[in-house]
Amino acid sequence: MIEIKNLTKKFDDKVAVNDISLQIQEGEILGLLGENGAGKTTTLRMMATMLKPSAGSIQIAGYDSVKEDSKVRENIGILFGGETGLYDRLTARENIEYFGKLYDMSKEELDAQIKKISEVLDMKEYIDKPVGKFSKGMKQKVAFARATIHNPKVLLLDEPTSGLDVTAAIQVHDFIKGLKKEGKTVIFSSHTMEEVEKLCDRVAIIHKGKLIVVDTLDGLKKNYQEESLEKIFTNLINGGK
């Protein structure tokens, strides 16, 4: 489903992503872990066609992220934490509908998808209210709905539960689990170890632009003789094992 080969991104003299290679299977949930500035968001932005690689390549659903960027965008949904980009004067429904229409969705398709998503994310009470006065958490859920409205094969999520309270975060977790059941591929970054442990099939740890390990949670615990993902992560980024 997703194949990343020797992916590198430089900003002037700074190397943000350094020669990453990774394969992600259809229906897999992959968690990206790393400190701030490790290269997680830059990697996701290249996968989303928002940035061009300095070297290497990304293929999503059989399409090259540079040569066939429009095809890649048809197959992905994007949510970057804190960047909702919603239109304050429009209702939640209108914001979601606007995005769906960009993908040539019919009114019937939109109505069905909005009904489904608003129920799962518990948005029914405010789906027809202007988003300008929404809390950060409410806006985040609308942005999540917008990112998935066109039924994409791949979801790229950067801190997807940012700004959400515990109840809302659980609803998002359940929604992500539902996407997996539908065969969607999900890649998300998070600073919450519990969230990664709860949702991910595999974990990729990035440090200073380098991919230092990719494995299942059980594999990590076995290989590094630790039961705590937090301790495994801390040991790895500090050079220990």
Protein backbone atom coordinates (compact mmCIF):
# COMPACT_ATOMS: atom_id res chain seq x y z
CA MET A 1 0.00 0.00 0.00
CA ILE A 2 2.77 2.47 0.98
CA GLU A 3 6.42 2.13 0.04
CA ILE A 4 9.02 4.67 1.17
CA LYS A 5 12.52 4.33 -0.26
CA ASN A 6 15.59 6.27 0.91
CA LEU A 7 13.45 9.29 1.78
CA THR A 8 15.45 12.41 2.58
CA LYS A 9 14.46 16.02 3.17
CA LYS A 10 16.87 18.93 3.59
CA PHE A 11 16.09 22.53 4.51
CA ASP A 12 19.18 24.47 3.44
CA ASP A 13 21.99 22.71 5.33
CA LYS A 14 19.73 20.98 7.84
CA VAL A 15 18.74 17.36 7.25
CA ALA A 16 15.22 16.90 8.65
CA VAL A 17 14.63 13.38 7.32
CA ASN A 18 17.61 11.16 6.64
CA ASP A 19 17.39 8.17 4.27
CA ILE A 20 14.21 6.54 5.61
CA SER A 21 12.92 3.33 4.02
CA LEU A 22 9.65 1.77 5.15
CA GLN A 23 6.78 -0.39 3.90
CA ILE A 24 3.27 -0.09 5.34
CA GLN A 25 0.65 -2.69 4.50
CA GLU A 26 -3.00 -2.23 3.60
CA GLY A 27 -5.16 -2.18 6.73
CA GLU A 28 -2.22 -1.50 9.03
CA ILE A 29 -2.06 1.15 11.74
CA LEU A 30 1.49 2.46 12.11
CA GLY A 31 2.49 4.80 14.92
CA LEU A 32 5.32 7.30 14.47
CA LEU A 33 7.16 8.10 17.67
CA GLY A 34 9.89 10.68 18.12
CA GLU A 35 10.85 13.78 20.03
CA ASN A 36 9.89 17.23 18.74
CA GLY A 37 11.99 17.94 15.66
CA ALA A 38 12.70 14.25 15.00
CA GLY A 39 11.22 14.40 11.49
CA LYS A 40 7.77 12.87 12.02
CA THR A 41 5.71 15.78 10.71
CA THR A 42 8.10 16.40 7.81
CA THR A 43 7.75 12.74 6.81
CA LEU A 44 3.96 12.97 6.96
CA ARG A 45 3.97 16.20 4.95
CA MET A 46 6.01 14.54 2.21
CA MET A 47 3.59 11.62 2.17
CA ALA A 48 0.74 14.13 1.90
CA THR A 49 2.46 15.78 -1.14
CA MET A 50 2.76 19.04 0.82
CA LEU A 51 6.55 18.85 0.62
CA LYS A 52 8.76 17.36 -2.09
CA PRO A 53 11.54 15.00 -1.03
CA SER A 54 15.13 16.12 -1.52
CA ALA A 55 15.90 12.49 -2.40
CA GLY A 56 14.17 9.14 -2.40
CA SER A 57 10.56 8.28 -3.24
CA ILE A 58 7.12 7.60 -1.79
CA GLN A 59 4.47 5.42 -3.39
CA ILE A 60 0.93 5.38 -2.02
CA ALA A 61 -1.73 3.09 -3.51
CA GLY A 62 0.61 2.58 -6.47
CA TYR A 63 1.12 6.29 -7.19
CA ASP A 64 4.30 8.32 -6.91
CA SER A 65 3.97 11.27 -4.53
CA VAL A 66 5.82 13.64 -6.88
CA LYS A 67 4.99 12.45 -10.39
CA GLU A 68 1.37 11.54 -9.59
CA ASP A 69 0.64 13.86 -6.68
CA SER A 70 -3.01 14.46 -7.64
CA LYS A 71 -3.69 10.71 -7.64
CA VAL A 72 -2.04 10.38 -4.24
CA ARG A 73 -4.21 13.18 -2.84
CA GLU A 74 -7.33 11.37 -4.07
CA ASN A 75 -6.38 8.38 -1.93
CA ILE A 76 -5.38 10.10 1.32
CA GLY A 77 -7.02 11.95 4.17
CA ILE A 78 -4.93 14.40 6.19
CA LEU A 79 -5.22 15.80 9.70
CA PHE A 80 -2.42 17.79 11.28
CA GLY A 81 -2.93 18.65 14.95
CA GLY A 82 -3.72 22.30 15.61
CA GLU A 83 -4.22 23.11 11.92
CA THR A 84 -7.94 22.72 11.44
CA GLY A 85 -8.25 25.29 8.63
CA LEU A 86 -12.02 25.52 9.07
CA TYR A 87 -14.22 28.36 7.83
CA ASP A 88 -15.62 30.00 10.98
CA ARG A 89 -18.79 31.36 9.36
CA LEU A 90 -19.82 27.97 7.97
CA THR A 91 -21.47 25.26 10.02
CA ALA A 92 -19.66 22.02 10.77
CA ARG A 93 -21.78 20.31 8.11
CA GLU A 94 -21.01 22.99 5.52
CA ASN A 95 -17.27 22.75 6.20
CA ILE A 96 -17.37 18.99 5.71
CA GLU A 97 -19.64 19.21 2.64
CA TYR A 98 -17.37 21.78 0.98
CA PHE A 99 -14.41 19.44 1.23
CA GLY A 100 -16.44 16.46 0.02
CA LYS A 101 -17.59 18.38 -3.04
CA LEU A 102 -13.97 18.96 -4.00
CA TYR A 103 -13.85 15.19 -4.45
CA ASP A 104 -17.02 15.23 -6.58
CA MET A 105 -19.07 13.41 -3.96
CA SER A 106 -22.81 13.33 -4.56
CA LYS A 107 -25.28 14.78 -2.07
CA GLU A 108 -26.42 11.26 -1.19
CA GLU A 109 -22.85 10.14 -0.48
CA LEU A 110 -22.16 13.24 1.59
CA ASP A 111 -25.33 12.95 3.63
CA ALA A 112 -24.63 9.28 4.41
CA GLN A 113 -20.99 9.86 5.36
CA ILE A 114 -21.74 12.94 7.49
CA LYS A 115 -24.48 11.04 9.34
CA LYS A 116 -22.14 8.13 10.02
CA ILE A 117 -19.18 10.24 11.14
CA SER A 118 -21.20 12.69 13.24
CA GLU A 119 -22.75 9.77 15.14
CA VAL A 120 -19.42 8.04 15.79
CA LEU A 121 -17.71 11.27 16.89
CA ASP A 122 -20.77 12.49 18.83
CA MET A 123 -21.14 15.69 16.77
CA LYS A 124 -24.92 15.59 16.21
CA GLU A 125 -25.68 18.43 18.64
CA TYR A 126 -23.49 20.94 16.83
CA ILE A 127 -23.22 19.61 13.27
CA ASP A 128 -25.41 22.49 11.99
CA LYS A 129 -23.87 25.28 14.05
CA PRO A 130 -21.15 27.73 12.85
CA VAL A 131 -17.70 26.55 13.90
CA GLY A 132 -16.41 30.00 14.85
CA LYS A 133 -17.40 29.61 18.50
CA PHE A 134 -16.46 25.94 18.81
CA SER A 135 -13.91 24.75 21.35
CA LYS A 136 -10.59 23.45 20.09
CA GLY A 137 -11.73 19.90 20.67
CA MET A 138 -14.96 20.40 18.72
CA LYS A 139 -13.04 21.93 15.82
CA GLN A 140 -10.61 19.04 15.89
CA LYS A 141 -13.45 16.55 15.48
CA VAL A 142 -14.89 18.53 12.55
CA ALA A 143 -11.44 18.54 10.96
CA PHE A 144 -11.22 14.79 11.51
CA ALA A 145 -14.60 14.32 9.83
CA ARG A 146 -13.50 16.48 6.92
CA ALA A 147 -10.29 14.46 6.49
CA THR A 148 -12.23 11.19 6.18
CA ILE A 149 -15.37 12.34 4.37
CA HIS A 150 -14.21 11.14 0.91
CA ASN A 151 -13.53 7.61 2.21
CA PRO A 152 -9.77 7.64 1.52
CA LYS A 153 -7.67 4.47 1.50
CA VAL A 154 -4.94 6.07 3.63
CA LEU A 155 -5.16 8.39 6.64
CA LEU A 156 -2.18 10.56 7.64
CA LEU A 157 -2.75 11.88 11.15
CA ASP A 158 -0.36 14.14 13.05
CA GLU A 159 -1.38 14.28 16.73
CA PRO A 160 -5.03 13.42 15.89
CA THR A 161 -6.30 13.73 19.47
CA SER A 162 -4.63 17.08 20.16
CA GLY A 163 -6.97 19.30 22.16
CA LEU A 164 -9.51 16.57 22.85
CA ASP A 165 -10.72 15.59 26.30
CA VAL A 166 -10.63 11.95 27.40
CA THR A 167 -14.13 11.13 26.14
CA ALA A 168 -13.56 12.72 22.74
CA ALA A 169 -10.16 11.03 22.41
CA ILE A 170 -11.78 7.64 23.05
CA GLN A 171 -14.35 8.39 20.33
CA VAL A 172 -11.53 9.19 17.90
CA HIS A 173 -9.72 5.99 18.90
CA ASP A 174 -12.87 3.98 18.20
CA PHE A 175 -13.25 5.73 14.86
CA ILE A 176 -9.65 4.86 13.92
CA LYS A 177 -10.27 1.23 14.90
CA GLY A 178 -13.33 1.29 12.64
CA LEU A 179 -11.19 2.56 9.76
CA LYS A 180 -8.88 -0.41 10.22
CA LYS A 181 -11.84 -2.81 10.10
CA GLU A 182 -12.76 -1.22 6.77
CA GLY A 183 -9.25 -2.01 5.46
CA LYS A 184 -7.92 1.55 5.66
CA THR A 185 -4.25 2.20 6.28
CA VAL A 186 -3.53 4.69 9.07
CA ILE A 187 -0.23 6.39 9.89
CA PHE A 188 -0.22 8.71 12.85
CA SER A 189 2.23 10.48 15.10
CA SER A 190 1.61 10.84 18.80
CA HIS A 191 3.35 11.77 22.03
CA THR A 192 0.93 9.62 23.99
CA MET A 193 2.45 6.18 24.54
CA GLU A 194 -0.85 4.74 25.77
CA GLU A 195 -2.53 5.84 22.54
CA VAL A 196 0.15 4.17 20.43
CA GLU A 197 -0.04 0.95 22.46
CA LYS A 198 -3.82 0.91 22.20
CA LEU A 199 -4.09 1.44 18.44
CA CYS A 200 -0.96 0.45 16.55
CA ASP A 201 -0.02 -2.77 14.78
CA ARG A 202 3.56 -1.53 14.50
CA VAL A 203 5.62 1.33 15.87
CA ALA A 204 8.30 3.31 14.00
CA ILE A 205 10.70 5.31 16.14
CA ILE A 206 12.42 8.27 14.50
CA HIS A 207 15.34 10.12 16.06
CA LYS A 208 17.13 13.11 14.53
CA GLY A 209 15.69 12.30 11.12
CA LYS A 210 16.74 8.65 11.15
CA LEU A 211 14.44 5.66 11.43
CA ILE A 212 16.01 3.65 14.25
CA VAL A 213 13.50 0.80 14.64
CA VAL A 214 10.21 -0.53 13.24
CA ASP A 215 8.48 -3.40 14.99
CA THR A 216 5.31 -4.62 16.65
CA LEU A 217 4.83 -3.70 20.27
CA ASP A 218 5.38 -7.32 21.28
CA GLY A 219 8.52 -7.45 19.17
CA LEU A 220 9.92 -4.32 20.80
CA LYS A 221 9.21 -5.62 24.29
CA LYS A 222 10.85 -8.96 23.49
CA ASN A 223 13.91 -7.53 21.74
CA TYR A 224 14.60 -4.82 24.34
CA GLN A 225 13.52 -6.80 27.42
CA GLU A 226 11.13 -4.08 28.58
CA GLU A 227 7.39 -4.05 29.17
CA SER A 228 7.10 -0.27 28.99
CA LEU A 229 7.02 1.39 25.55
CA GLU A 230 8.04 4.62 27.22
CA LYS A 231 11.21 3.02 28.59
CA ILE A 232 11.99 1.37 25.25
CA PHE A 233 11.58 4.71 23.50
CA THR A 234 13.72 6.58 26.05
CA ASN A 235 16.48 3.97 25.91
CA LEU A 236 16.59 3.98 22.12
CA ILE A 237 16.77 7.73 21.64
CA ASN A 238 19.46 7.92 24.32
CA GLY A 239 21.53 5.29 22.52
CA GLY A 240 20.75 2.44 24.85
CA LYS A 241 19.18 -0.95 24.24
